[in-house]
């Protein structure tokens, strides 16, 4: 049976495709080294339009206002340029209030498309551009530690990580967030207080990595402007020992948090990446494996949610569990516990 895979790796090579939502312009070159916050492509997403009422501004009829218009459709204009006039006494004119381009003129009006700062697509990880996707983005290769989670609010940022969780399941309290953490990414346990999320936004932090989160405040976390990434899920679930050990041993390092939503069909997961040096080339981690004896697995459902274990035996065919359910299952040696028969659907292979 093909197994779902989760990557929790102390040192690996990754390749990540960074693509604009609409066609735009790639601003890096192949072979260029980029930082997590560097722009790799840009595009104009939502152009702003400005309607100038020339007739009213110059106190003219529509017909006379059209004769006073000096610009033409398609023409680029700069802030302060005279677009119509002068007429009357004193000499009245209509000026461009912002840089832009004339879209339409007529009926005593001018329609401008105002120049706004383009949307900038960030690299999200520090690495090397290995391929350009013309007009859309890049593929970046990087080496370091990779920790994947289960939920993210769609934001991306990077910063110095501060470990607040002294244990995998510690409850995060408001008093743990103080001004010394401003601009950093915090690693914490279980969050169940909306005031913590408000404080994190107001400071502001650069991101939050949580073991788990209360379902009642997920909607608030989803609207936050900083990335919020959850390693285990909803409800009070301690962080698995592999992820906790790897993250805490990298305290005070620069980390990139890509809290994109988990999409099994696209193969994307929210993840934390810590750029680290490598003595040589490392293979890319596998995206698909089959269940087999000796594999380290992460258990995703009760009663062992968040626990790490090792497969002792993969039962052939279907097995009838104590609850009467017939399913494919494996005998797993659970950390800190005895062996348990667990459905394969409740397991992720750690590779």
C-alpha atoms as a PDB file:
ATOM      1  CA  UNK A   1       0.000   0.000   0.000  1.00  0.00           C
ATOM      2  CA  UNK A   2       1.312   3.456  -0.925  1.00  0.00           C
ATOM      3  CA  UNK A   3       1.942   5.424   2.258  1.00  0.00           C
ATOM      4  CA  UNK A   4       1.417   9.138   2.904  1.00  0.00           C
ATOM      5  CA  UNK A   5       4.785  10.779   3.546  1.00  0.00           C
ATOM      6  CA  UNK A   6       5.805  13.502   5.966  1.00  0.00           C
ATOM      7  CA  UNK A   7       9.279  15.013   5.871  1.00  0.00           C
ATOM      8  CA  UNK A   8      11.032  15.701   9.163  1.00  0.00           C
ATOM      9  CA  UNK A   9      14.671  15.710   8.118  1.00  0.00           C
ATOM     10  CA  UNK A  10      17.754  17.207   9.825  1.00  0.00           C
ATOM     11  CA  UNK A  11      19.552  17.660   6.496  1.00  0.00           C
ATOM     12  CA  UNK A  12      18.146  17.265   3.014  1.00  0.00           C
ATOM     13  CA  UNK A  13      17.897  18.910  -0.390  1.00  0.00           C
ATOM     14  CA  UNK A  14      14.592  20.363  -1.528  1.00  0.00           C
ATOM     15  CA  UNK A  15      13.327  21.892  -4.753  1.00  0.00           C
ATOM     16  CA  UNK A  16      10.451  24.316  -4.512  1.00  0.00           C
ATOM     17  CA  UNK A  17       8.490  25.846  -7.378  1.00  0.00           C
ATOM     18  CA  UNK A  18       7.571  29.482  -6.769  1.00  0.00           C
ATOM     19  CA  UNK A  19       4.909  30.640  -9.232  1.00  0.00           C
ATOM     20  CA  UNK A  20       2.969  33.901  -9.686  1.00  0.00           C
ATOM     21  CA  UNK A  21      -0.844  33.694  -9.597  1.00  0.00           C
ATOM     22  CA  UNK A  22      -0.943  35.502 -12.979  1.00  0.00           C
ATOM     23  CA  UNK A  23       1.674  36.030 -15.712  1.00  0.00           C
ATOM     24  CA  UNK A  24       4.309  38.602 -14.811  1.00  0.00           C
ATOM     25  CA  UNK A  25       8.054  39.158 -14.893  1.00  0.00           C
ATOM     26  CA  UNK A  26      10.841  36.974 -13.467  1.00  0.00           C
ATOM     27  CA  UNK A  27      13.465  39.204 -11.821  1.00  0.00           C
ATOM     28  CA  UNK A  28      16.230  36.663 -11.055  1.00  0.00           C
ATOM     29  CA  UNK A  29      18.595  34.688 -13.260  1.00  0.00           C
ATOM     30  CA  UNK A  30      19.413  31.002 -13.397  1.00  0.00           C
ATOM     31  CA  UNK A  31      22.193  30.094 -10.971  1.00  0.00           C
ATOM     32  CA  UNK A  32      21.546  33.130  -8.751  1.00  0.00           C
ATOM     33  CA  UNK A  33      21.615  32.632  -4.992  1.00  0.00           C
ATOM     34  CA  UNK A  34      18.574  34.109  -3.230  1.00  0.00           C
ATOM     35  CA  UNK A  35      17.514  34.721   0.341  1.00  0.00           C
ATOM     36  CA  UNK A  36      14.128  33.725   1.730  1.00  0.00           C
ATOM     37  CA  UNK A  37      12.870  37.332   1.541  1.00  0.00           C
ATOM     38  CA  UNK A  38      14.241  38.085  -1.939  1.00  0.00           C
ATOM     39  CA  UNK A  39      11.779  38.712  -4.768  1.00  0.00           C
ATOM     40  CA  UNK A  40      12.028  36.224  -7.634  1.00  0.00           C
ATOM     41  CA  UNK A  41       9.128  37.478  -9.786  1.00  0.00           C
ATOM     42  CA  UNK A  42       6.563  40.276  -9.843  1.00  0.00           C
ATOM     43  CA  UNK A  43       3.183  41.027 -11.394  1.00  0.00           C
ATOM     44  CA  UNK A  44       0.452  43.637 -11.287  1.00  0.00           C
ATOM     45  CA  UNK A  45      -2.458  41.939  -9.570  1.00  0.00           C
ATOM     46  CA  UNK A  46      -5.137  44.554  -8.941  1.00  0.00           C
ATOM     47  CA  UNK A  47      -4.620  47.781 -10.908  1.00  0.00           C
ATOM     48  CA  UNK A  48      -6.286  50.847  -9.388  1.00  0.00           C
ATOM     49  CA  UNK A  49      -8.388  53.103 -11.589  1.00  0.00           C
ATOM     50  CA  UNK A  50      -9.039  56.792 -11.029  1.00  0.00           C
ATOM     51  CA  UNK A  51     -11.846  58.746 -12.744  1.00  0.00           C
ATOM     52  CA  UNK A  52     -11.141  62.482 -13.160  1.00  0.00           C
ATOM     53  CA  UNK A  53     -14.197  64.699 -13.741  1.00  0.00           C
ATOM     54  CA  UNK A  54     -12.718  67.322 -16.054  1.00  0.00           C
ATOM     55  CA  UNK A  55     -16.043  69.086 -16.754  1.00  0.00           C
ATOM     56  CA  UNK A  56     -16.700  69.729 -13.076  1.00  0.00           C
ATOM     57  CA  UNK A  57     -13.079  70.637 -12.275  1.00  0.00           C
ATOM     58  CA  UNK A  58     -12.849  73.162 -15.109  1.00  0.00           C
ATOM     59  CA  UNK A  59     -16.495  74.310 -14.820  1.00  0.00           C
ATOM     60  CA  UNK A  60     -17.200  73.494 -18.461  1.00  0.00           C
ATOM     61  CA  UNK A  61     -19.794  71.568 -20.412  1.00  0.00           C
ATOM     62  CA  UNK A  62     -18.866  68.011 -21.406  1.00  0.00           C
ATOM     63  CA  UNK A  63     -18.270  69.075 -24.998  1.00  0.00           C
ATOM     64  CA  UNK A  64     -15.943  71.963 -24.073  1.00  0.00           C
ATOM     65  CA  UNK A  65     -14.197  69.832 -21.440  1.00  0.00           C
ATOM     66  CA  UNK A  66     -13.372  67.228 -24.101  1.00  0.00           C
ATOM     67  CA  UNK A  67     -11.722  69.969 -26.201  1.00  0.00           C
ATOM     68  CA  UNK A  68      -9.608  70.985 -23.186  1.00  0.00           C
ATOM     69  CA  UNK A  69      -8.260  67.442 -22.586  1.00  0.00           C
ATOM     70  CA  UNK A  70      -4.592  67.271 -23.590  1.00  0.00           C
ATOM     71  CA  UNK A  71      -3.875  63.551 -23.124  1.00  0.00           C
ATOM     72  CA  UNK A  72      -4.780  60.541 -25.264  1.00  0.00           C
ATOM     73  CA  UNK A  73      -5.683  56.914 -24.421  1.00  0.00           C
ATOM     74  CA  UNK A  74      -2.571  54.784 -23.945  1.00  0.00           C
ATOM     75  CA  UNK A  75      -0.410  57.746 -22.952  1.00  0.00           C
ATOM     76  CA  UNK A  76       1.708  57.420 -19.783  1.00  0.00           C
ATOM     77  CA  UNK A  77       1.515  60.319 -17.360  1.00  0.00           C
ATOM     78  CA  UNK A  78       3.445  61.335 -14.263  1.00  0.00           C
ATOM     79  CA  UNK A  79       2.137  62.803 -11.030  1.00  0.00           C
ATOM     80  CA  UNK A  80       1.602  66.531 -11.514  1.00  0.00           C
ATOM     81  CA  UNK A  81       1.313  66.439 -15.315  1.00  0.00           C
ATOM     82  CA  UNK A  82      -1.352  68.733 -16.759  1.00  0.00           C
ATOM     83  CA  UNK A  83      -4.049  66.540 -18.334  1.00  0.00           C
ATOM     84  CA  UNK A  84      -6.555  69.257 -19.245  1.00  0.00           C
ATOM     85  CA  UNK A  85      -6.648  73.058 -19.490  1.00  0.00           C
ATOM     86  CA  UNK A  86      -5.739  75.758 -18.794  1.00  0.00           C
ATOM     87  CA  UNK A  87      -9.093  77.551 -19.086  1.00  0.00           C
ATOM     88  CA  UNK A  88     -10.709  80.627 -17.541  1.00  0.00           C
ATOM     89  CA  UNK A  89      -9.291  83.090 -15.080  1.00  0.00           C
ATOM     90  CA  UNK A  90      -7.467  82.153 -13.004  1.00  0.00           C
ATOM     91  CA  UNK A  91      -6.052  79.488 -15.309  1.00  0.00           C
ATOM     92  CA  UNK A  92      -7.695  76.265 -14.178  1.00  0.00           C
ATOM     93  CA  UNK A  93      -6.038  72.889 -14.965  1.00  0.00           C
ATOM     94  CA  UNK A  94      -6.540  69.214 -14.179  1.00  0.00           C
ATOM     95  CA  UNK A  95      -3.373  67.436 -13.080  1.00  0.00           C
ATOM     96  CA  UNK A  96      -2.519  63.748 -12.656  1.00  0.00           C
ATOM     97  CA  UNK A  97      -2.601  62.941  -8.941  1.00  0.00           C
ATOM     98  CA  UNK A  98      -0.467  59.803  -9.422  1.00  0.00           C
ATOM     99  CA  UNK A  99       1.750  58.148 -12.012  1.00  0.00           C
ATOM    100  CA  UNK A 100      -0.284  56.050 -14.432  1.00  0.00           C
ATOM    101  CA  UNK A 101      -1.656  55.492 -17.908  1.00  0.00           C
ATOM    102  CA  UNK A 102      -4.652  57.065 -19.639  1.00  0.00           C
ATOM    103  CA  UNK A 103      -7.271  54.408 -20.382  1.00  0.00           C
ATOM    104  CA  UNK A 104     -10.174  56.477 -21.760  1.00  0.00           C
ATOM    105  CA  UNK A 105     -11.147  60.090 -22.392  1.00  0.00           C
ATOM    106  CA  UNK A 106     -14.546  61.523 -23.259  1.00  0.00           C
ATOM    107  CA  UNK A 107     -17.800  62.698 -21.796  1.00  0.00           C
ATOM    108  CA  UNK A 108     -15.880  65.352 -19.886  1.00  0.00           C
ATOM    109  CA  UNK A 109     -13.867  62.725 -18.007  1.00  0.00           C
ATOM    110  CA  UNK A 110     -10.472  60.986 -17.960  1.00  0.00           C
ATOM    111  CA  UNK A 111     -10.004  57.401 -16.759  1.00  0.00           C
ATOM    112  CA  UNK A 112      -6.494  56.672 -15.419  1.00  0.00           C
ATOM    113  CA  UNK A 113      -4.951  53.339 -14.508  1.00  0.00           C
ATOM    114  CA  UNK A 114      -2.787  54.239 -11.529  1.00  0.00           C
ATOM    115  CA  UNK A 115       0.636  52.667 -11.077  1.00  0.00           C
ATOM    116  CA  UNK A 116       0.821  50.650  -7.863  1.00  0.00           C
ATOM    117  CA  UNK A 117       3.697  48.645  -6.498  1.00  0.00           C
ATOM    118  CA  UNK A 118       3.610  45.233  -8.168  1.00  0.00           C
ATOM    119  CA  UNK A 119       2.998  42.047  -6.202  1.00  0.00           C
ATOM    120  CA  UNK A 120       6.378  40.558  -5.316  1.00  0.00           C
ATOM    121  CA  UNK A 121       6.778  36.789  -5.195  1.00  0.00           C
ATOM    122  CA  UNK A 122       9.280  35.889  -2.475  1.00  0.00           C
ATOM    123  CA  UNK A 123      11.735  33.012  -2.709  1.00  0.00           C
ATOM    124  CA  UNK A 124      10.453  31.629   0.654  1.00  0.00           C
ATOM    125  CA  UNK A 125      13.674  29.641   1.111  1.00  0.00           C
ATOM    126  CA  UNK A 126      17.342  30.598   0.846  1.00  0.00           C
ATOM    127  CA  UNK A 127      18.866  28.669  -2.026  1.00  0.00           C
ATOM    128  CA  UNK A 128      19.873  28.662  -5.688  1.00  0.00           C
ATOM    129  CA  UNK A 129      17.646  29.334  -8.693  1.00  0.00           C
ATOM    130  CA  UNK A 130      18.009  26.201 -10.851  1.00  0.00           C
ATOM    131  CA  UNK A 131      15.268  26.881 -13.400  1.00  0.00           C
ATOM    132  CA  UNK A 132      13.280  29.853 -14.734  1.00  0.00           C
ATOM    133  CA  UNK A 133       9.584  29.496 -15.554  1.00  0.00           C
ATOM    134  CA  UNK A 134       9.181  32.211 -18.171  1.00  0.00           C
ATOM    135  CA  UNK A 135       6.770  34.905 -17.054  1.00  0.00           C
ATOM    136  CA  UNK A 136       5.611  32.855 -14.067  1.00  0.00           C
ATOM    137  CA  UNK A 137       8.364  32.125 -11.534  1.00  0.00           C
ATOM    138  CA  UNK A 138      11.305  29.898 -10.633  1.00  0.00           C
ATOM    139  CA  UNK A 139      12.418  26.587  -9.178  1.00  0.00           C
ATOM    140  CA  UNK A 140      14.742  26.977  -6.191  1.00  0.00           C
ATOM    141  CA  UNK A 141      17.029  24.337  -4.732  1.00  0.00           C
ATOM    142  CA  UNK A 142      18.131  24.540  -1.115  1.00  0.00           C
ATOM    143  CA  UNK A 143      19.850  22.419   1.520  1.00  0.00           C
ATOM    144  CA  UNK A 144      18.870  22.295   5.164  1.00  0.00           C
ATOM    145  CA  UNK A 145      16.462  20.961   7.763  1.00  0.00           C
ATOM    146  CA  UNK A 146      12.842  20.383   6.751  1.00  0.00           C
ATOM    147  CA  UNK A 147       9.855  20.027   9.087  1.00  0.00           C
ATOM    148  CA  UNK A 148       6.373  19.653   7.603  1.00  0.00           C
ATOM    149  CA  UNK A 149       3.066  20.330   9.365  1.00  0.00           C
ATOM    150  CA  UNK A 150      -0.650  19.828   8.743  1.00  0.00           C
ATOM    151  CA  UNK A 151      -2.200  23.318   8.649  1.00  0.00           C
ATOM    152  CA  UNK A 152      -1.162  26.803   7.626  1.00  0.00           C
ATOM    153  CA  UNK A 153      -2.871  30.137   7.032  1.00  0.00           C
ATOM    154  CA  UNK A 154      -1.300  30.772   3.615  1.00  0.00           C
ATOM    155  CA  UNK A 155       1.352  33.310   4.679  1.00  0.00           C
ATOM    156  CA  UNK A 156       5.129  33.202   4.196  1.00  0.00           C
ATOM    157  CA  UNK A 157       7.913  34.896   6.154  1.00  0.00           C
ATOM    158  CA  UNK A 158      11.303  34.284   7.685  1.00  0.00           C
ATOM    159  CA  UNK A 159      13.152  35.357  10.804  1.00  0.00           C
ATOM    160  CA  UNK A 160      15.094  34.325  13.873  1.00  0.00           C
ATOM    161  CA  UNK A 161      13.352  31.480  15.706  1.00  0.00           C
ATOM    162  CA  UNK A 162      12.836  31.695  19.469  1.00  0.00           C
ATOM    163  CA  UNK A 163      11.783  28.517  21.271  1.00  0.00           C
ATOM    164  CA  UNK A 164       9.095  29.206  23.883  1.00  0.00           C
ATOM    165  CA  UNK A 165       7.936  25.620  24.385  1.00  0.00           C
ATOM    166  CA  UNK A 166       9.897  23.923  27.170  1.00  0.00           C
ATOM    167  CA  UNK A 167       8.013  20.692  26.396  1.00  0.00           C
ATOM    168  CA  UNK A 168       6.188  19.358  23.311  1.00  0.00           C
ATOM    169  CA  UNK A 169       2.719  19.910  24.774  1.00  0.00           C
ATOM    170  CA  UNK A 170       3.221  23.076  26.833  1.00  0.00           C
ATOM    171  CA  UNK A 171       0.277  25.490  26.722  1.00  0.00           C
ATOM    172  CA  UNK A 172       1.231  28.911  25.377  1.00  0.00           C
ATOM    173  CA  UNK A 173       0.136  31.724  27.715  1.00  0.00           C
ATOM    174  CA  UNK A 174      -0.085  35.475  26.920  1.00  0.00           C
ATOM    175  CA  UNK A 175       2.680  36.383  29.383  1.00  0.00           C
ATOM    176  CA  UNK A 176       5.222  34.458  27.273  1.00  0.00           C
ATOM    177  CA  UNK A 177       4.964  37.043  24.489  1.00  0.00           C
ATOM    178  CA  UNK A 178       6.930  40.194  25.265  1.00  0.00           C
ATOM    179  CA  UNK A 179       8.471  42.988  23.212  1.00  0.00           C
ATOM    180  CA  UNK A 180      11.843  41.230  23.066  1.00  0.00           C
ATOM    181  CA  UNK A 181      10.268  38.793  20.569  1.00  0.00           C
ATOM    182  CA  UNK A 182       9.218  41.517  18.114  1.00  0.00           C
ATOM    183  CA  UNK A 183      10.230  40.579  14.583  1.00  0.00           C
ATOM    184  CA  UNK A 184      10.975  36.949  15.439  1.00  0.00           C
ATOM    185  CA  UNK A 185       9.326  33.595  14.765  1.00  0.00           C
ATOM    186  CA  UNK A 186       8.225  31.728  17.871  1.00  0.00           C
ATOM    187  CA  UNK A 187       8.002  27.991  18.425  1.00  0.00           C
ATOM    188  CA  UNK A 188       5.300  27.107  20.938  1.00  0.00           C
ATOM    189  CA  UNK A 189       3.113  24.221  22.037  1.00  0.00           C
ATOM    190  CA  UNK A 190      -0.678  24.377  22.286  1.00  0.00           C
ATOM    191  CA  UNK A 191      -2.476  27.691  21.646  1.00  0.00           C
ATOM    192  CA  UNK A 192      -6.073  28.082  22.850  1.00  0.00           C
ATOM    193  CA  UNK A 193      -6.304  31.811  23.591  1.00  0.00           C
ATOM    194  CA  UNK A 194      -7.354  34.353  20.945  1.00  0.00           C
ATOM    195  CA  UNK A 195      -5.567  37.089  22.947  1.00  0.00           C
ATOM    196  CA  UNK A 196      -2.269  35.393  22.118  1.00  0.00           C
ATOM    197  CA  UNK A 197      -2.994  35.684  18.406  1.00  0.00           C
ATOM    198  CA  UNK A 198      -3.930  39.354  18.815  1.00  0.00           C
ATOM    199  CA  UNK A 199      -0.724  40.035  20.741  1.00  0.00           C
ATOM    200  CA  UNK A 200       1.344  38.249  18.076  1.00  0.00           C
ATOM    201  CA  UNK A 201      -0.187  40.470  15.364  1.00  0.00           C
ATOM    202  CA  UNK A 202       0.214  43.708  17.305  1.00  0.00           C
ATOM    203  CA  UNK A 203       3.884  43.202  18.268  1.00  0.00           C
ATOM    204  CA  UNK A 204       4.260  42.090  15.458  1.00  0.00           C
ATOM    205  CA  UNK A 205       5.901  38.680  15.288  1.00  0.00           C
ATOM    206  CA  UNK A 206       7.200  37.377  11.958  1.00  0.00           C
ATOM    207  CA  UNK A 207       5.483  34.024  12.428  1.00  0.00           C
ATOM    208  CA  UNK A 208       4.231  31.308  14.764  1.00  0.00           C
ATOM    209  CA  UNK A 209       5.025  27.586  14.709  1.00  0.00           C
ATOM    210  CA  UNK A 210       2.588  25.723  16.967  1.00  0.00           C
ATOM    211  CA  UNK A 211       2.304  22.107  18.033  1.00  0.00           C
ATOM    212  CA  UNK A 212      -1.497  22.395  17.943  1.00  0.00           C
ATOM    213  CA  UNK A 213      -4.303  24.925  18.117  1.00  0.00           C
ATOM    214  CA  UNK A 214      -7.828  25.068  19.497  1.00  0.00           C
ATOM    215  CA  UNK A 215     -10.391  24.702  16.722  1.00  0.00           C
ATOM    216  CA  UNK A 216     -12.343  27.664  18.138  1.00  0.00           C
ATOM    217  CA  UNK A 217      -9.618  30.154  17.194  1.00  0.00           C
ATOM    218  CA  UNK A 218      -8.561  28.694  13.835  1.00  0.00           C
ATOM    219  CA  UNK A 219     -10.694  31.204  11.913  1.00  0.00           C
ATOM    220  CA  UNK A 220      -8.810  34.048  13.648  1.00  0.00           C
ATOM    221  CA  UNK A 221      -5.439  32.474  12.851  1.00  0.00           C
ATOM    222  CA  UNK A 222      -6.494  32.074   9.213  1.00  0.00           C
ATOM    223  CA  UNK A 223      -6.966  35.853   8.858  1.00  0.00           C
ATOM    224  CA  UNK A 224      -3.674  36.857  10.474  1.00  0.00           C
ATOM    225  CA  UNK A 225      -1.106  38.670   8.315  1.00  0.00           C
ATOM    226  CA  UNK A 226       1.789  36.673   9.788  1.00  0.00           C
ATOM    227  CA  UNK A 227       2.271  32.969   9.005  1.00  0.00           C
ATOM    228  CA  UNK A 228       0.772  30.520  11.489  1.00  0.00           C
ATOM    229  CA  UNK A 229       1.850  26.907  11.003  1.00  0.00           C
ATOM    230  CA  UNK A 230       0.484  23.960  12.985  1.00  0.00           C
ATOM    231  CA  UNK A 231       2.590  20.793  13.216  1.00  0.00           C
ATOM    232  CA  UNK A 232       0.011  18.333  14.604  1.00  0.00           C
ATOM    233  CA  UNK A 233      -3.566  19.572  14.282  1.00  0.00           C
ATOM    234  CA  UNK A 234      -6.597  20.858  16.179  1.00  0.00           C
ATOM    235  CA  UNK A 235      -7.099  20.231  19.876  1.00  0.00           C
ATOM    236  CA  UNK A 236      -4.447  19.757  22.572  1.00  0.00           C
ATOM    237  CA  UNK A 237      -1.882  17.537  20.823  1.00  0.00           C
ATOM    238  CA  UNK A 238       1.788  17.555  21.871  1.00  0.00           C
ATOM    239  CA  UNK A 239       4.316  18.000  19.088  1.00  0.00           C
ATOM    240  CA  UNK A 240       5.833  14.758  17.869  1.00  0.00           C
ATOM    241  CA  UNK A 241       9.274  14.065  19.324  1.00  0.00           C
ATOM    242  CA  UNK A 242      11.100  14.153  15.959  1.00  0.00           C
ATOM    243  CA  UNK A 243       9.834  17.612  15.004  1.00  0.00           C
ATOM    244  CA  UNK A 244      10.263  18.997  18.529  1.00  0.00           C
ATOM    245  CA  UNK A 245      13.856  17.794  18.808  1.00  0.00           C
ATOM    246  CA  UNK A 246      14.815  19.097  15.372  1.00  0.00           C
ATOM    247  CA  UNK A 247      13.227  22.519  15.905  1.00  0.00           C
ATOM    248  CA  UNK A 248      14.492  23.088  19.444  1.00  0.00           C
ATOM    249  CA  UNK A 249      18.065  22.166  18.509  1.00  0.00           C
ATOM    250  CA  UNK A 250      17.933  24.972  15.944  1.00  0.00           C
ATOM    251  CA  UNK A 251      16.870  27.663  18.418  1.00  0.00           C
ATOM    252  CA  UNK A 252      18.135  31.155  17.469  1.00  0.00           C
ATOM    253  CA  UNK A 253      18.613  30.198  13.812  1.00  0.00           C
ATOM    254  CA  UNK A 254      17.061  31.896  10.800  1.00  0.00           C
ATOM    255  CA  UNK A 255      14.053  29.865   9.642  1.00  0.00           C
ATOM    256  CA  UNK A 256      11.653  30.230   6.721  1.00  0.00           C
ATOM    257  CA  UNK A 257       7.992  29.503   7.451  1.00  0.00           C
ATOM    258  CA  UNK A 258       5.829  28.661   4.450  1.00  0.00           C
ATOM    259  CA  UNK A 259       2.354  28.231   5.943  1.00  0.00           C
ATOM    260  CA  UNK A 260       0.711  27.237   2.654  1.00  0.00           C
ATOM    261  CA  UNK A 261      -2.343  25.030   2.862  1.00  0.00           C
ATOM    262  CA  UNK A 262      -1.949  21.264   2.719  1.00  0.00           C
ATOM    263  CA  UNK A 263      -3.041  19.982  -0.672  1.00  0.00           C
ATOM    264  CA  UNK A 264      -2.443  16.228  -1.187  1.00  0.00           C
ATOM    265  CA  UNK A 265      -3.357  16.533  -4.877  1.00  0.00           C
ATOM    266  CA  UNK A 266      -0.705  19.202  -5.549  1.00  0.00           C
ATOM    267  CA  UNK A 267       1.787  17.688  -3.113  1.00  0.00           C
ATOM    268  CA  UNK A 268       2.107  20.878  -1.050  1.00  0.00           C
ATOM    269  CA  UNK A 269       2.293  21.023   2.748  1.00  0.00           C
ATOM    270  CA  UNK A 270       2.969  23.793   5.250  1.00  0.00           C
ATOM    271  CA  UNK A 271       6.630  23.585   6.203  1.00  0.00           C
ATOM    272  CA  UNK A 272       9.506  25.084   8.121  1.00  0.00           C
ATOM    273  CA  UNK A 273      12.882  25.175   6.399  1.00  0.00           C
ATOM    274  CA  UNK A 274      16.208  25.948   8.060  1.00  0.00           C
ATOM    275  CA  UNK A 275      19.043  26.569   5.600  1.00  0.00           C
ATOM    276  CA  UNK A 276      22.158  24.635   6.589  1.00  0.00           C
ATOM    277  CA  UNK A 277      25.483  23.949   4.869  1.00  0.00           C
ATOM    278  CA  UNK A 278      26.179  20.550   3.318  1.00  0.00           C
ATOM    279  CA  UNK A 279      29.489  18.792   2.715  1.00  0.00           C
ATOM    280  CA  UNK A 280      28.231  17.307  -0.552  1.00  0.00           C
ATOM    281  CA  UNK A 281      25.206  16.612  -2.712  1.00  0.00           C
ATOM    282  CA  UNK A 282      22.191  15.169  -0.937  1.00  0.00           C
ATOM    283  CA  UNK A 283      19.407  13.238  -2.676  1.00  0.00           C
ATOM    284  CA  UNK A 284      15.907  14.694  -2.826  1.00  0.00           C
ATOM    285  CA  UNK A 285      13.592  13.075  -0.258  1.00  0.00           C
ATOM    286  CA  UNK A 286      11.081  10.591  -1.721  1.00  0.00           C
ATOM    287  CA  UNK A 287       7.488  11.763  -2.089  1.00  0.00           C
ATOM    288  CA  UNK A 288       5.959   8.260  -2.181  1.00  0.00           C
ATOM    289  CA  UNK A 289       6.893   5.008  -0.435  1.00  0.00           C
ATOM    290  CA  UNK A 290       5.218   1.739   0.458  1.00  0.00           C
ATOM    291  CA  UNK A 291       4.673   0.617   4.048  1.00  0.00           C
ATOM    292  CA  UNK A 292       7.397  -1.790   5.187  1.00  0.00           C
ATOM    293  CA  UNK A 293       8.927  -3.228   8.362  1.00  0.00           C
ATOM    294  CA  UNK A 294      11.391  -0.930  10.153  1.00  0.00           C
ATOM    295  CA  UNK A 295       9.936   2.343   8.924  1.00  0.00           C
ATOM    296  CA  UNK A 296       9.531   5.202  11.356  1.00  0.00           C
ATOM    297  CA  UNK A 297       5.933   6.420  11.302  1.00  0.00           C
ATOM    298  CA  UNK A 298       3.919   9.326  12.650  1.00  0.00           C
ATOM    299  CA  UNK A 299       0.500   8.433  14.076  1.00  0.00           C
ATOM    300  CA  UNK A 300      -2.216  10.911  13.105  1.00  0.00           C
ATOM    301  CA  UNK A 301      -5.272   9.698  15.025  1.00  0.00           C
ATOM    302  CA  UNK A 302      -6.269   8.785  18.582  1.00  0.00           C
ATOM    303  CA  UNK A 303      -5.358   7.203  20.883  1.00  0.00           C
ATOM    304  CA  UNK A 304      -1.728   7.783  19.818  1.00  0.00           C
ATOM    305  CA  UNK A 305      -2.097  11.106  17.953  1.00  0.00           C
ATOM    306  CA  UNK A 306       1.265  12.801  17.436  1.00  0.00           C
ATOM    307  CA  UNK A 307       3.297   9.817  18.605  1.00  0.00           C
ATOM    308  CA  UNK A 308       6.247   8.382  16.685  1.00  0.00           C
ATOM    309  CA  UNK A 309       6.565   4.639  16.233  1.00  0.00           C
ATOM    310  CA  UNK A 310       8.331   1.917  14.276  1.00  0.00           C
ATOM    311  CA  UNK A 311       6.553  -0.651  12.101  1.00  0.00           C
ATOM    312  CA  UNK A 312       7.165  -4.152  13.451  1.00  0.00           C
ATOM    313  CA  UNK A 313       4.851  -5.987  11.059  1.00  0.00           C
ATOM    314  CA  UNK A 314       2.628  -5.071   8.118  1.00  0.00           C
ATOM    315  CA  UNK A 315      -0.370  -7.417   8.270  1.00  0.00           C
ATOM    316  CA  UNK A 316      -1.330  -8.964   4.909  1.00  0.00           C
ATOM    317  CA  UNK A 317      -4.858  -8.356   3.603  1.00  0.00           C
ATOM    318  CA  UNK A 318      -7.342  -6.911   6.082  1.00  0.00           C
ATOM    319  CA  UNK A 319      -7.275  -7.277   9.849  1.00  0.00           C
ATOM    320  CA  UNK A 320     -10.222  -7.132  12.229  1.00  0.00           C
ATOM    321  CA  UNK A 321      -9.427  -4.614  14.947  1.00  0.00           C
ATOM    322  CA  UNK A 322     -10.754  -4.839  18.533  1.00  0.00           C
ATOM    323  CA  UNK A 323     -13.514  -2.362  17.619  1.00  0.00           C
ATOM    324  CA  UNK A 324     -14.735  -4.707  14.887  1.00  0.00           C
ATOM    325  CA  UNK A 325     -13.412  -2.653  11.963  1.00  0.00           C
ATOM    326  CA  UNK A 326     -11.820  -4.647   9.144  1.00  0.00           C
ATOM    327  CA  UNK A 327      -8.954  -2.714   7.570  1.00  0.00           C
ATOM    328  CA  UNK A 328      -5.328  -2.844   6.462  1.00  0.00           C
ATOM    329  CA  UNK A 329      -3.164  -2.506   9.550  1.00  0.00           C
ATOM    330  CA  UNK A 330       0.361  -2.691  10.926  1.00  0.00           C
ATOM    331  CA  UNK A 331       1.819  -3.646  14.284  1.00  0.00           C
ATOM    332  CA  UNK A 332       3.665  -0.552  15.518  1.00  0.00           C
ATOM    333  CA  UNK A 333       6.065  -0.161  18.433  1.00  0.00           C
ATOM    334  CA  UNK A 334       4.893   3.201  19.808  1.00  0.00           C
ATOM    335  CA  UNK A 335       7.482   5.372  21.565  1.00  0.00           C
ATOM    336  CA  UNK A 336       7.099   5.232  25.327  1.00  0.00           C
ATOM    337  CA  UNK A 337       4.430   2.543  25.025  1.00  0.00           C
ATOM    338  CA  UNK A 338       3.828  -1.046  24.009  1.00  0.00           C
ATOM    339  CA  UNK A 339       3.163  -2.358  20.506  1.00  0.00           C
ATOM    340  CA  UNK A 340      -0.256  -1.537  19.050  1.00  0.00           C
ATOM    341  CA  UNK A 341      -2.211  -2.629  15.998  1.00  0.00           C
ATOM    342  CA  UNK A 342      -2.913   0.560  14.028  1.00  0.00           C
ATOM    343  CA  UNK A 343      -4.774   1.052  10.721  1.00  0.00           C
ATOM    344  CA  UNK A 344      -2.447   2.057   7.888  1.00  0.00           C
ATOM    345  CA  UNK A 345      -4.810   4.977   7.203  1.00  0.00           C
ATOM    346  CA  UNK A 346      -3.705   6.421  10.572  1.00  0.00           C
ATOM    347  CA  UNK A 347       0.009   6.381   9.715  1.00  0.00           C
ATOM    348  CA  UNK A 348       2.428   8.663   7.862  1.00  0.00           C
ATOM    349  CA  UNK A 349       5.912   7.468   7.005  1.00  0.00           C
ATOM    350  CA  UNK A 350       8.700   9.789   8.137  1.00  0.00           C
ATOM    351  CA  UNK A 351      11.356  10.108   5.440  1.00  0.00           C
END
